[in-house]
Protein backbone atom coordinates (compact mmCIF):
# COMPACT_ATOMS: atom_id res chain seq x y z
CA MET A 1 48.78 3.82 -19.50
CA TYR A 2 45.41 5.18 -20.32
CA GLU A 3 43.70 1.75 -20.40
CA LYS A 4 45.38 0.61 -17.23
CA ILE A 5 44.24 3.81 -15.33
CA LYS A 6 40.76 3.49 -16.85
CA LEU A 7 40.73 -0.15 -15.49
CA TRP A 8 42.04 0.67 -12.13
CA HIS A 9 39.51 3.50 -11.60
CA LYS A 10 36.67 1.41 -12.87
CA LYS A 11 37.70 -1.27 -10.13
CA GLY A 12 37.95 1.30 -7.52
CA TRP A 13 41.80 1.04 -7.13
CA TRP A 14 42.13 4.81 -8.27
CA THR A 15 39.94 7.74 -7.23
CA ALA A 16 39.03 10.61 -9.56
CA SER A 17 41.90 12.71 -7.82
CA MET A 18 44.46 10.04 -8.51
CA VAL A 19 43.40 10.33 -12.17
CA ALA A 20 43.67 13.81 -12.06
CA GLN A 21 47.16 13.73 -10.87
CA ALA A 22 47.98 11.30 -13.47
CA ALA A 23 46.73 13.79 -16.09
CA ALA A 24 48.64 16.82 -14.40
CA LYS A 25 51.90 14.65 -14.73
CA GLY A 26 51.23 14.03 -18.41
CA LEU A 27 50.51 10.40 -17.98
CA ILE A 28 47.17 10.85 -19.70
CA THR A 29 45.46 13.71 -21.51
CA GLU A 30 42.85 15.98 -20.19
CA GLU A 31 40.38 14.42 -22.68
CA GLN A 32 41.35 10.89 -21.30
CA TYR A 33 40.80 12.10 -17.88
CA LYS A 34 37.31 13.28 -18.64
CA ALA A 35 36.59 10.35 -20.35
CA ILE A 36 37.61 8.13 -17.36
CA VAL A 37 35.85 10.00 -14.72
CA GLU A 38 32.59 10.97 -16.42
CA GLY A 39 32.34 7.69 -18.32
CA ALA A 40 32.32 5.89 -15.04
CA GLU A 41 29.66 8.20 -13.65
CA ASN A 42 27.35 7.77 -16.62
CA GLU A 43 27.56 3.90 -16.61
């Protein structure tokens, strides 16, 4: 699921808050959330 969410966020289909909700629901870890959101900002 992490790879899918990472792709969706990169394409702009998911916002940072949507990724945060996925982390809160246990679909991804907090570390994965940070990697997706911070990684997109640092690219």
